[in-house]
Structures are given as structure tokens and as C-alpha cells.
PDB file of N, CA and C in Angstrom:
ATOM      1  N   MET A   1       0.769  -0.759   0.024  1.00  0.00           N
ATOM      2  CA  MET A   1      -0.898  -0.155   0.071  1.00  0.00           C
ATOM      3  C   MET A   1       0.679   1.203   0.334  1.00  0.00           C
ATOM      4  N   LEU A   2       2.199   1.124   0.666  1.00  0.00           N
ATOM      5  CA  LEU A   2       2.836   2.533   0.429  1.00  0.00           C
ATOM      6  C   LEU A   2       3.095   2.817  -0.339  1.00  0.00           C
ATOM      7  N   ILE A   3       3.785   1.725  -1.658  1.00  0.00           N
ATOM      8  CA  ILE A   3       4.317   2.346  -2.841  1.00  0.00           C
ATOM      9  C   ILE A   3       3.109   2.406  -3.496  1.00  0.00           C
ATOM     10  N   HIS A   4       1.562   2.472  -3.472  1.00  0.00           N
ATOM     11  CA  HIS A   4       0.220   2.826  -4.306  1.00  0.00           C
ATOM     12  C   HIS A   4       0.204   4.667  -3.598  1.00  0.00           C
ATOM     13  N   VAL A   5       0.236   4.317  -2.138  1.00  0.00           N
ATOM     14  CA  VAL A   5       0.492   5.854  -1.635  1.00  0.00           C
ATOM     15  C   VAL A   5       1.082   7.154  -2.594  1.00  0.00           C
ATOM     16  N   ARG A   6       3.078   6.444  -3.006  1.00  0.00           N
ATOM     17  CA  ARG A   6       4.657   6.686  -2.993  1.00  0.00           C
ATOM     18  C   ARG A   6       3.812   7.730  -4.151  1.00  0.00           C
ATOM     19  N   GLY A   7       3.302   6.179  -5.320  1.00  0.00           N
ATOM     20  CA  GLY A   7       2.991   6.781  -6.313  1.00  0.00           C
ATOM     21  C   GLY A   7       1.558   7.798  -6.673  1.00  0.00           C
ATOM     22  N   LEU A   8       0.649   7.982  -6.214  1.00  0.00           N
ATOM     23  CA  LEU A   8      -0.562   8.933  -5.935  1.00  0.00           C
ATOM     24  C   LEU A   8       0.538  10.039  -5.481  1.00  0.00           C
ATOM     25  N   LEU A   9       0.943  10.344  -4.687  1.00  0.00           N
ATOM     26  CA  LEU A   9       1.955  11.938  -4.085  1.00  0.00           C
ATOM     27  C   LEU A   9       2.675  12.057  -5.762  1.00  0.00           C
ATOM     28  N   THR A  10       3.210  11.659  -6.544  1.00  0.00           N
ATOM     29  CA  THR A  10       3.892  11.279  -7.167  1.00  0.00           C
ATOM     30  C   THR A  10       3.044  12.143  -8.079  1.00  0.00           C
ATOM     31  N   ARG A  11       2.182  11.345  -8.911  1.00  0.00           N
ATOM     32  CA  ARG A  11       1.460  12.295  -9.310  1.00  0.00           C
ATOM     33  C   ARG A  11       0.187  13.319  -9.180  1.00  0.00           C
ATOM     34  N   LEU A  12       0.049  13.630  -7.959  1.00  0.00           N
ATOM     35  CA  LEU A  12       0.263  14.697  -7.226  1.00  0.00           C
ATOM     36  C   LEU A  12       0.091  15.371  -7.321  1.00  0.00           C
ATOM     37  N   LYS A  13       1.609  15.811  -7.381  1.00  0.00           N
ATOM     38  CA  LYS A  13       2.740  17.009  -7.267  1.00  0.00           C
ATOM     39  C   LYS A  13       2.973  17.022  -8.795  1.00  0.00           C
ATOM     40  N   SER A  14       2.592  16.449  -9.609  1.00  0.00           N
ATOM     41  CA  SER A  14       2.984  16.317 -10.880  1.00  0.00           C
ATOM     42  C   SER A  14       1.960  16.655 -11.582  1.00  0.00           C
ATOM     43  N   LEU A  15       0.142  16.965 -11.241  1.00  0.00           N
ATOM     44  CA  LEU A  15      -0.395  18.329 -11.750  1.00  0.00           C
ATOM     45  C   LEU A  15       0.308  19.335 -11.829  1.00  0.00           C
ATOM     46  N   TRP A  16       1.205  20.064 -10.045  1.00  0.00           N
ATOM     47  CA  TRP A  16       0.890  21.460 -10.427  1.00  0.00           C
ATOM     48  C   TRP A  16       2.232  21.153 -10.255  1.00  0.00           C
ATOM     49  N   THR A  17       2.836  23.207 -11.013  1.00  0.00           N
ATOM     50  CA  THR A  17       4.661  22.705 -10.734  1.00  0.00           C
ATOM     51  C   THR A  17       4.708  23.339  -9.534  1.00  0.00           C
ATOM     52  N   VAL A  18       6.343  23.772  -8.454  1.00  0.00           N
ATOM     53  CA  VAL A  18       6.332  23.748  -7.157  1.00  0.00           C
ATOM     54  C   VAL A  18       5.402  25.373  -6.775  1.00  0.00           C
ATOM     55  N   GLU A  19       5.668  25.958  -7.649  1.00  0.00           N
ATOM     56  CA  GLU A  19       5.499  27.444  -7.063  1.00  0.00           C
ATOM     57  C   GLU A  19       3.373  27.533  -6.893  1.00  0.00           C
ATOM     58  N   GLU A  20       3.154  26.921  -7.558  1.00  0.00           N
ATOM     59  CA  GLU A  20       1.024  26.563  -7.712  1.00  0.00           C
ATOM     60  C   GLU A  20       0.839  25.696  -6.630  1.00  0.00           C
ATOM     61  N   ARG A  21       1.702  24.394  -6.803  1.00  0.00           N
ATOM     62  CA  ARG A  21       0.957  23.787  -4.926  1.00  0.00           C
ATOM     63  C   ARG A  21       1.231  24.489  -3.285  1.00  0.00           C
ATOM     64  N   LEU A  22       2.896  25.297  -3.501  1.00  0.00           N
ATOM     65  CA  LEU A  22       2.979  26.523  -2.811  1.00  0.00           C
ATOM     66  C   LEU A  22       1.895  27.731  -2.114  1.00  0.00           C
ATOM     67  N   ASN A  23       1.329  28.166  -3.615  1.00  0.00           N
ATOM     68  CA  ASN A  23       0.467  29.194  -3.526  1.00  0.00           C
ATOM     69  C   ASN A  23      -0.815  29.322  -3.327  1.00  0.00           C
ATOM     70  N   VAL A  24      -1.432  27.452  -2.819  1.00  0.00           N
ATOM     71  CA  VAL A  24      -2.294  26.913  -2.568  1.00  0.00           C
ATOM     72  C   VAL A  24      -2.980  27.120  -1.146  1.00  0.00           C
ATOM     73  N   GLU A  25      -4.056  27.212  -1.134  1.00  0.00           N
ATOM     74  CA  GLU A  25      -3.811  28.719  -0.288  1.00  0.00           C
ATOM     75  C   GLU A  25      -5.599  27.961   1.118  1.00  0.00           C
ATOM     76  N   GLU A  26      -6.358  27.320   0.560  1.00  0.00           N
ATOM     77  CA  GLU A  26      -6.880  26.681   1.570  1.00  0.00           C
ATOM     78  C   GLU A  26      -7.522  25.542   0.422  1.00  0.00           C
ATOM     79  N   VAL A  27      -8.255  23.666   1.311  1.00  0.00           N
ATOM     80  CA  VAL A  27      -8.370  23.507   0.672  1.00  0.00           C
ATOM     81  C   VAL A  27      -9.233  22.719   1.735  1.00  0.00           C
ATOM     82  N   ASN A  28     -10.491  22.080   0.347  1.00  0.00           N
ATOM     83  CA  ASN A  28     -12.241  21.652   1.457  1.00  0.00           C
ATOM     84  C   ASN A  28     -11.924  19.559   0.963  1.00  0.00           C
ATOM     85  N   ILE A  29     -11.791  19.241   2.730  1.00  0.00           N
ATOM     86  CA  ILE A  29     -11.781  18.138   2.209  1.00  0.00           C
ATOM     87  C   ILE A  29     -12.762  16.990   3.348  1.00  0.00           C
ATOM     88  N   HIS A  30     -12.917  15.879   2.776  1.00  0.00           N
ATOM     89  CA  HIS A  30     -13.204  14.727   3.524  1.00  0.00           C
ATOM     90  C   HIS A  30     -12.882  14.717   4.842  1.00  0.00           C
ATOM     91  N   MET A  31     -13.211  14.647   5.645  1.00  0.00           N
ATOM     92  CA  MET A  31     -12.788  13.886   8.092  1.00  0.00           C
ATOM     93  C   MET A  31     -12.266  12.448   7.095  1.00  0.00           C
ATOM     94  N   TRP A  32     -11.478  12.318   6.606  1.00  0.00           N
ATOM     95  CA  TRP A  32     -10.316  11.308   6.743  1.00  0.00           C
ATOM     96  C   TRP A  32      -8.654  11.716   6.767  1.00  0.00           C
ATOM     97  N   ALA A  33      -8.588  12.068   8.111  1.00  0.00           N
ATOM     98  CA  ALA A  33      -6.684  11.414   8.280  1.00  0.00           C
ATOM     99  C   ALA A  33      -6.026  11.797   7.285  1.00  0.00           C
ATOM    100  N   GLY A  34      -6.219  10.356   6.363  1.00  0.00           N
ATOM    101  CA  GLY A  34      -5.607   9.943   5.300  1.00  0.00           C
ATOM    102  C   GLY A  34      -5.141  11.358   4.253  1.00  0.00           C
ATOM    103  N   PHE A  35      -6.388  11.814   3.685  1.00  0.00           N
ATOM    104  CA  PHE A  35      -6.188  13.120   2.864  1.00  0.00           C
ATOM    105  C   PHE A  35      -5.718  14.036   3.485  1.00  0.00           C
ATOM    106  N   ALA A  36      -5.820  14.582   4.651  1.00  0.00           N
ATOM    107  CA  ALA A  36      -5.612  15.509   5.773  1.00  0.00           C
ATOM    108  C   ALA A  36      -3.353  15.275   5.301  1.00  0.00           C
ATOM    109  N   ARG A  37      -2.999  13.792   5.336  1.00  0.00           N
ATOM    110  CA  ARG A  37      -1.998  13.781   5.807  1.00  0.00           C
ATOM    111  C   ARG A  37      -1.387  14.130   4.246  1.00  0.00           C
ATOM    112  N   VAL A  38      -1.958  13.387   2.687  1.00  0.00           N
ATOM    113  CA  VAL A  38      -1.111  13.863   1.198  1.00  0.00           C
ATOM    114  C   VAL A  38      -1.957  15.051   0.825  1.00  0.00           C
ATOM    115  N   VAL A  39      -3.103  16.701   1.523  1.00  0.00           N
ATOM    116  CA  VAL A  39      -2.867  17.086   1.244  1.00  0.00           C
ATOM    117  C   VAL A  39      -1.716  18.080   2.335  1.00  0.00           C
ATOM    118  N   ASN A  40      -1.562  17.390   3.302  1.00  0.00           N
ATOM    119  CA  ASN A  40       0.138  18.112   4.065  1.00  0.00           C
ATOM    120  C   ASN A  40       1.243  18.058   2.973  1.00  0.00           C
ATOM    121  N   GLN A  41       1.517  17.215   2.558  1.00  0.00           N
ATOM    122  CA  GLN A  41       2.522  16.845   1.479  1.00  0.00           C
ATOM    123  C   GLN A  41       2.359  17.083   0.148  1.00  0.00           C
ATOM    124  N   VAL A  42       0.829  16.945  -0.206  1.00  0.00           N
ATOM    125  CA  VAL A  42       1.147  18.202  -2.024  1.00  0.00           C
ATOM    126  C   VAL A  42       1.205  19.531  -1.966  1.00  0.00           C
ATOM    127  N   PHE A  43       0.512  19.947  -0.821  1.00  0.00           N
ATOM    128  CA  PHE A  43       0.318  21.931  -0.814  1.00  0.00           C
ATOM    129  C   PHE A  43       1.116  22.305   0.127  1.00  0.00           C
ATOM    130  N   PRO A  44       2.114  21.570   1.227  1.00  0.00           N
ATOM    131  CA  PRO A  44       2.394  22.340   2.883  1.00  0.00           C
ATOM    132  C   PRO A  44       1.532  23.955   3.063  1.00  0.00           C
ATOM    133  N   LYS A  45       1.476  24.275   2.535  1.00  0.00           N
ATOM    134  CA  LYS A  45       0.844  26.009   2.404  1.00  0.00           C
ATOM    135  C   LYS A  45      -0.406  26.445   3.356  1.00  0.00           C
ATOM    136  N   ALA A  46      -1.307  25.228   2.779  1.00  0.00           N
ATOM    137  CA  ALA A  46      -2.552  25.751   2.496  1.00  0.00           C
ATOM    138  C   ALA A  46      -3.043  25.272   3.893  1.00  0.00           C
ATOM    139  N   ARG A  47      -3.533  26.292   4.529  1.00  0.00           N
ATOM    140  CA  ARG A  47      -5.401  25.437   5.073  1.00  0.00           C
ATOM    141  C   ARG A  47      -5.964  24.431   4.942  1.00  0.00           C
ATOM    142  N   ILE A  48      -6.205  23.359   5.451  1.00  0.00           N
ATOM    143  CA  ILE A  48      -7.153  22.326   6.185  1.00  0.00           C
ATOM    144  C   ILE A  48      -8.403  23.013   5.593  1.00  0.00           C
ATOM    145  N   VAL A  49      -9.836  22.750   5.223  1.00  0.00           N
ATOM    146  CA  VAL A  49     -11.179  23.427   5.929  1.00  0.00           C
ATOM    147  C   VAL A  49     -11.927  21.736   5.538  1.00  0.00           C
ATOM    148  N   TYR A  50     -12.309  21.344   6.516  1.00  0.00           N
ATOM    149  CA  TYR A  50     -13.199  19.622   6.612  1.00  0.00           C
ATOM    150  C   TYR A  50     -14.679  19.880   6.498  1.00  0.00           C
ATOM    151  N   ASP A  51     -15.345  19.503   5.097  1.00  0.00           N
ATOM    152  CA  ASP A  51     -16.779  20.087   4.793  1.00  0.00           C
ATOM    153  C   ASP A  51     -17.364  19.803   6.469  1.00  0.00           C
ATOM    154  N   ARG A  52     -18.580  20.880   6.120  1.00  0.00           N
ATOM    155  CA  ARG A  52     -19.381  21.362   6.475  1.00  0.00           C
ATOM    156  C   ARG A  52     -20.125  18.913   7.378  1.00  0.00           C
ATOM    157  N   PHE A  53     -20.341  18.890   6.149  1.00  0.00           N
ATOM    158  CA  PHE A  53     -21.740  17.716   6.381  1.00  0.00           C
ATOM    159  C   PHE A  53     -20.729  16.711   7.316  1.00  0.00           C
ATOM    160  N   HIS A  54     -19.283  16.736   6.554  1.00  0.00           N
ATOM    161  CA  HIS A  54     -19.186  15.573   7.879  1.00  0.00           C
ATOM    162  C   HIS A  54     -19.108  16.430   9.478  1.00  0.00           C
ATOM    163  N   VAL A  55     -18.563  17.292   9.743  1.00  0.00           N
ATOM    164  CA  VAL A  55     -18.600  18.068  10.911  1.00  0.00           C
ATOM    165  C   VAL A  55     -19.114  17.415  11.409  1.00  0.00           C
ATOM    166  N   MET A  56     -21.027  18.485  10.979  1.00  0.00           N
ATOM    167  CA  MET A  56     -21.694  18.397  12.142  1.00  0.00           C
ATOM    168  C   MET A  56     -22.416  17.072  11.694  1.00  0.00           C
ATOM    169  N   GLN A  57     -22.164  16.674  11.074  1.00  0.00           N
ATOM    170  CA  GLN A  57     -22.418  14.737  11.709  1.00  0.00           C
ATOM    171  C   GLN A  57     -21.129  14.323  12.411  1.00  0.00           C
ATOM    172  N   LYS A  58     -20.415  14.167  12.618  1.00  0.00           N
ATOM    173  CA  LYS A  58     -19.163  14.119  13.982  1.00  0.00           C
ATOM    174  C   LYS A  58     -20.144  14.576  15.188  1.00  0.00           C
ATOM    175  N   GLY A  59     -20.096  16.203  15.045  1.00  0.00           N
ATOM    176  CA  GLY A  59     -20.706  16.419  16.213  1.00  0.00           C
ATOM    177  C   GLY A  59     -22.273  16.430  16.496  1.00  0.00           C
ATOM    178  N   VAL A  60     -22.892  15.480  15.245  1.00  0.00           N
ATOM    179  CA  VAL A  60     -24.288  14.937  15.984  1.00  0.00           C
ATOM    180  C   VAL A  60     -24.446  13.341  16.323  1.00  0.00           C
ATOM    181  N   LYS A  61     -23.001  12.914  16.025  1.00  0.00           N
ATOM    182  CA  LYS A  61     -22.820  11.363  16.339  1.00  0.00           C
ATOM    183  C   LYS A  61     -22.514  11.829  17.977  1.00  0.00           C
ATOM    184  N   GLU A  62     -21.334  12.852  18.393  1.00  0.00           N
ATOM    185  CA  GLU A  62     -20.886  12.994  19.942  1.00  0.00           C
ATOM    186  C   GLU A  62     -21.630  13.450  20.813  1.00  0.00           C
ATOM    187  N   LEU A  63     -22.548  14.392  20.098  1.00  0.00           N
ATOM    188  CA  LEU A  63     -24.313  14.560  21.178  1.00  0.00           C
ATOM    189  C   LEU A  63     -24.319  13.891  21.764  1.00  0.00           C
ATOM    190  N   ASP A  64     -25.180  12.676  20.566  1.00  0.00           N
ATOM    191  CA  ASP A  64     -25.528  11.414  20.571  1.00  0.00           C
ATOM    192  C   ASP A  64     -25.053  10.673  22.161  1.00  0.00           C
ATOM    193  N   ARG A  65     -23.717  10.316  21.712  1.00  0.00           N
ATOM    194  CA  ARG A  65     -22.854   9.750  22.116  1.00  0.00           C
ATOM    195  C   ARG A  65     -23.566  10.275  24.431  1.00  0.00           C
ATOM    196  N   ILE A  66     -22.781  11.218  24.299  1.00  0.00           N
ATOM    197  CA  ILE A  66     -23.280  12.171  25.663  1.00  0.00           C
ATOM    198  C   ILE A  66     -24.405  11.936  25.974  1.00  0.00           C
ATOM    199  N   ARG A  67     -25.561  12.393  25.563  1.00  0.00           N
ATOM    200  CA  ARG A  67     -26.914  12.639  25.253  1.00  0.00           C
ATOM    201  C   ARG A  67     -27.301  11.135  26.486  1.00  0.00           C
ATOM    202  N   ARG A  68     -26.837  10.297  25.434  1.00  0.00           N
ATOM    203  CA  ARG A  68     -27.102   9.122  25.775  1.00  0.00           C
ATOM    204  C   ARG A  68     -26.425   8.667  27.159  1.00  0.00           C
ATOM    205  N   GLN A  69     -25.298   8.342  26.760  1.00  0.00           N
ATOM    206  CA  GLN A  69     -24.510   8.307  28.464  1.00  0.00           C
ATOM    207  C   GLN A  69     -25.419   9.145  29.610  1.00  0.00           C
ATOM    208  N   SER A  70     -25.539   9.857  29.314  1.00  0.00           N
ATOM    209  CA  SER A  70     -26.275  10.818  30.205  1.00  0.00           C
ATOM    210  C   SER A  70     -27.861  10.665  30.577  1.00  0.00           C
ATOM    211  N   ARG A  71     -28.248   9.756  29.895  1.00  0.00           N
ATOM    212  CA  ARG A  71     -29.279   9.272  29.799  1.00  0.00           C
ATOM    213  C   ARG A  71     -29.966   9.943  30.028  1.00  0.00           C
ATOM    214  N   LEU A  72     -30.270  10.607  28.979  1.00  0.00           N
ATOM    215  CA  LEU A  72     -30.773  11.813  28.303  1.00  0.00           C
ATOM    216  C   LEU A  72     -31.874  11.521  27.444  1.00  0.00           C
ATOM    217  N   THR A  73     -32.908  10.744  27.291  1.00  0.00           N
ATOM    218  CA  THR A  73     -33.465  10.246  26.212  1.00  0.00           C
ATOM    219  C   THR A  73     -34.640  10.521  26.352  1.00  0.00           C
ATOM    220  N   GLU A  74     -35.652  11.377  26.842  1.00  0.00           N
ATOM    221  CA  GLU A  74     -36.616  11.472  26.271  1.00  0.00           C
ATOM    222  C   GLU A  74     -37.248  11.992  25.284  1.00  0.00           C
ATOM    223  N   LYS A  75     -37.930  11.955  25.030  1.00  0.00           N
ATOM    224  CA  LYS A  75     -38.625  12.174  23.452  1.00  0.00           C
ATOM    225  C   LYS A  75     -38.368  13.450  23.456  1.00  0.00           C
ATOM    226  N   GLY A  76     -38.024  13.841  22.342  1.00  0.00           N
ATOM    227  CA  GLY A  76     -37.981  15.848  22.162  1.00  0.00           C
ATOM    228  C   GLY A  76     -36.038  15.730  22.956  1.00  0.00           C
ATOM    229  N   SER A  77     -35.665  15.214  23.419  1.00  0.00           N
ATOM    230  CA  SER A  77     -34.416  15.961  23.872  1.00  0.00           C
ATOM    231  C   SER A  77     -33.441  16.553  22.897  1.00  0.00           C
ATOM    232  N   ARG A  78     -32.884  15.309  22.154  1.00  0.00           N
ATOM    233  CA  ARG A  78     -31.868  15.628  21.237  1.00  0.00           C
ATOM    234  C   ARG A  78     -32.646  17.332  20.394  1.00  0.00           C
ATOM    235  N   ARG A  79     -33.076  17.224  20.215  1.00  0.00           N
ATOM    236  CA  ARG A  79     -33.879  18.174  18.671  1.00  0.00           C
ATOM    237  C   ARG A  79     -33.801  19.764  19.863  1.00  0.00           C
ATOM    238  N   ILE A  80     -34.369  19.489  21.546  1.00  0.00           N
ATOM    239  CA  ILE A  80     -33.547  20.628  21.990  1.00  0.00           C
ATOM    240  C   ILE A  80     -32.526  20.866  22.005  1.00  0.00           C
ATOM    241  N   ILE A  81     -31.500  19.891  22.244  1.00  0.00           N
ATOM    242  CA  ILE A  81     -30.356  20.463  22.627  1.00  0.00           C
ATOM    243  C   ILE A  81     -29.553  21.416  21.742  1.00  0.00           C
ATOM    244  N   LEU A  82     -30.247  20.108  20.545  1.00  0.00           N
ATOM    245  CA  LEU A  82     -29.657  21.446  18.287  1.00  0.00           C
ATOM    246  C   LEU A  82     -29.992  22.446  18.148  1.00  0.00           C
ATOM    247  N   LYS A  83     -30.820  22.821  18.950  1.00  0.00           N
ATOM    248  CA  LYS A  83     -31.780  24.359  18.847  1.00  0.00           C
ATOM    249  C   LYS A  83     -31.041  24.886  19.388  1.00  0.00           C
ATOM    250  N   ASN A  84     -31.466  25.780  17.964  1.00  0.00           N
ATOM    251  CA  ASN A  84     -30.254  27.034  18.295  1.00  0.00           C
ATOM    252  C   ASN A  84     -31.586  27.637  19.257  1.00  0.00           C
ATOM    253  N   ASN A  85     -30.481  28.794  20.320  1.00  0.00           N
ATOM    254  CA  ASN A  85     -31.050  29.210  21.694  1.00  0.00           C
ATOM    255  C   ASN A  85     -31.665  30.208  21.459  1.00  0.00           C
ATOM    256  N   GLU A  86     -32.198  31.584  20.292  1.00  0.00           N
ATOM    257  CA  GLU A  86     -33.255  32.171  20.303  1.00  0.00           C
ATOM    258  C   GLU A  86     -34.409  31.083  20.206  1.00  0.00           C
ATOM    259  N   ASP A  87     -34.209  30.200  19.210  1.00  0.00           N
ATOM    260  CA  ASP A  87     -35.336  29.772  18.568  1.00  0.00           C
ATOM    261  C   ASP A  87     -35.648  28.752  20.011  1.00  0.00           C
ATOM    262  N   LEU A  88     -35.600  28.954  20.365  1.00  0.00           N
ATOM    263  CA  LEU A  88     -36.133  27.938  21.665  1.00  0.00           C
ATOM    264  C   LEU A  88     -37.503  28.393  22.315  1.00  0.00           C
ATOM    265  N   THR A  89     -38.263  27.737  22.740  1.00  0.00           N
ATOM    266  CA  THR A  89     -39.154  28.172  23.516  1.00  0.00           C
ATOM    267  C   THR A  89     -38.909  28.536  24.906  1.00  0.00           C
ATOM    268  N   ALA A  90     -40.246  28.986  25.532  1.00  0.00           N
ATOM    269  CA  ALA A  90     -39.541  28.949  27.473  1.00  0.00           C
ATOM    270  C   ALA A  90     -39.650  27.786  28.226  1.00  0.00           C
ATOM    271  N   LYS A  91     -40.407  26.714  27.325  1.00  0.00           N
ATOM    272  CA  LYS A  91     -40.677  25.537  27.719  1.00  0.00           C
ATOM    273  C   LYS A  91     -39.468  24.362  27.815  1.00  0.00           C
ATOM    274  N   GLU A  92     -39.273  25.449  26.719  1.00  0.00           N
ATOM    275  CA  GLU A  92     -38.097  24.381  25.449  1.00  0.00           C
ATOM    276  C   GLU A  92     -36.747  24.584  27.059  1.00  0.00           C
ATOM    277  N   LYS A  93     -36.589  26.500  27.379  1.00  0.00           N
ATOM    278  CA  LYS A  93     -35.316  26.677  27.527  1.00  0.00           C
ATOM    279  C   LYS A  93     -35.094  26.072  29.225  1.00  0.00           C
ATOM    280  N   VAL A  94     -36.513  25.877  29.601  1.00  0.00           N
ATOM    281  CA  VAL A  94     -36.657  24.798  31.410  1.00  0.00           C
ATOM    282  C   VAL A  94     -35.617  24.010  31.575  1.00  0.00           C
ATOM    283  N   LYS A  95     -36.528  23.052  29.818  1.00  0.00           N
ATOM    284  CA  LYS A  95     -35.762  21.979  29.816  1.00  0.00           C
ATOM    285  C   LYS A  95     -34.510  21.707  29.131  1.00  0.00           C
ATOM    286  N   LEU A  96     -33.745  22.599  28.976  1.00  0.00           N
ATOM    287  CA  LEU A  96     -32.467  22.918  28.333  1.00  0.00           C
ATOM    288  C   LEU A  96     -31.984  23.176  29.121  1.00  0.00           C
ATOM    289  N   GLU A  97     -32.756  23.589  30.417  1.00  0.00           N
ATOM    290  CA  GLU A  97     -31.733  24.078  31.162  1.00  0.00           C
ATOM    291  C   GLU A  97     -31.020  22.815  32.066  1.00  0.00           C
ATOM    292  N   ILE A  98     -32.492  22.013  33.132  1.00  0.00           N
ATOM    293  CA  ILE A  98     -32.434  20.493  32.984  1.00  0.00           C
ATOM    294  C   ILE A  98     -31.654  19.421  32.034  1.00  0.00           C
ATOM    295  N   TYR A  99     -31.238  19.412  31.179  1.00  0.00           N
ATOM    296  CA  TYR A  99     -30.712  18.579  30.823  1.00  0.00           C
ATOM    297  C   TYR A  99     -29.021  18.903  30.497  1.00  0.00           C
ATOM    298  N   LEU A 100     -28.488  20.242  31.210  1.00  0.00           N
ATOM    299  CA  LEU A 100     -26.969  20.984  30.608  1.00  0.00           C
ATOM    300  C   LEU A 100     -27.464  19.932  32.686  1.00  0.00           C
ATOM    301  N   LYS A 101     -27.723  20.477  33.484  1.00  0.00           N
ATOM    302  CA  LYS A 101     -27.574  20.080  34.865  1.00  0.00           C
ATOM    303  C   LYS A 101     -27.412  18.228  35.022  1.00  0.00           C
ATOM    304  N   GLN A 102     -28.504  17.672  34.243  1.00  0.00           N
ATOM    305  CA  GLN A 102     -28.027  16.395  34.651  1.00  0.00           C
ATOM    306  C   GLN A 102     -27.282  15.942  34.080  1.00  0.00           C
ATOM    307  N   SER A 103     -26.050  16.471  32.822  1.00  0.00           N
ATOM    308  CA  SER A 103     -25.303  16.588  32.473  1.00  0.00           C
ATOM    309  C   SER A 103     -23.711  16.665  32.732  1.00  0.00           C
ATOM    310  N   THR A 104     -22.381  16.737  33.344  1.00  0.00           N
ATOM    311  CA  THR A 104     -21.639  17.546  33.479  1.00  0.00           C
ATOM    312  C   THR A 104     -20.749  17.545  31.704  1.00  0.00           C
ATOM    313  N   ALA A 105     -21.063  16.543  31.025  1.00  0.00           N
ATOM    314  CA  ALA A 105     -20.782  15.637  29.495  1.00  0.00           C
ATOM    315  C   ALA A 105     -20.810  17.044  28.521  1.00  0.00           C
ATOM    316  N   LEU A 106     -22.104  18.108  28.472  1.00  0.00           N
ATOM    317  CA  LEU A 106     -22.954  18.978  28.471  1.00  0.00           C
ATOM    318  C   LEU A 106     -21.605  19.769  28.084  1.00  0.00           C
ATOM    319  N   PRO A 107     -21.633  20.964  27.117  1.00  0.00           N
ATOM    320  CA  PRO A 107     -21.523  22.257  27.841  1.00  0.00           C
ATOM    321  C   PRO A 107     -22.114  23.631  28.146  1.00  0.00           C
TER     322      PRO A 107
END
């Protein structure tokens, strides 16, 4: 597999001049460490930006893990935790405060 990765790096680097690769400021990628390693080698000065879908997906999965661990399984608790504060009703704000007090893992 290492040979294939080296071949891929060589091919990617050959698509642009060194100057072009050094001028790349930002690269948008999926949240996989392999992509980040390749980008760092091909575009050493580029800032890595992870795509919003995968960032949100990872955040929601982690929130669900914490919610289950904290035993916050009441119907609607996930929606209330994820909802924007300014969009919460008075009743939902009270419930959110209760959820936050029940769980030390939630911010």
C-alpha cells in the first residue's frame, strides 16, 4: 500500500508546479486523516477545511453519545439540545437547563 500512496503523491505533485502548489491557500476535504496527510504533502502551505456535512455529522454523533451516556433519552431531548437558543420556547429553555444540569459532559 505504501508504494501506491507514493505513486499517488508523485502523480498529484506532477499536476501542478511547485510554485502553484505553494500558492494554494485552502483545501476543502472529507474528515479522513489520510486525506489530510496527502494534502499536507502536496500543498504544504494550504489550510485544511473540513466539509460542513462531515463536521456536523461527527458533532451530532458525539452529542448523541453524550446524551445516551447521560441518560437524556426523553423524547425530544435531542431536538432541544440541537436547536438554536433564540428559537427555543420558554418551555424548551427550562428543559434545556434541566438537561445541562443533568449532564456534566454537555457544555
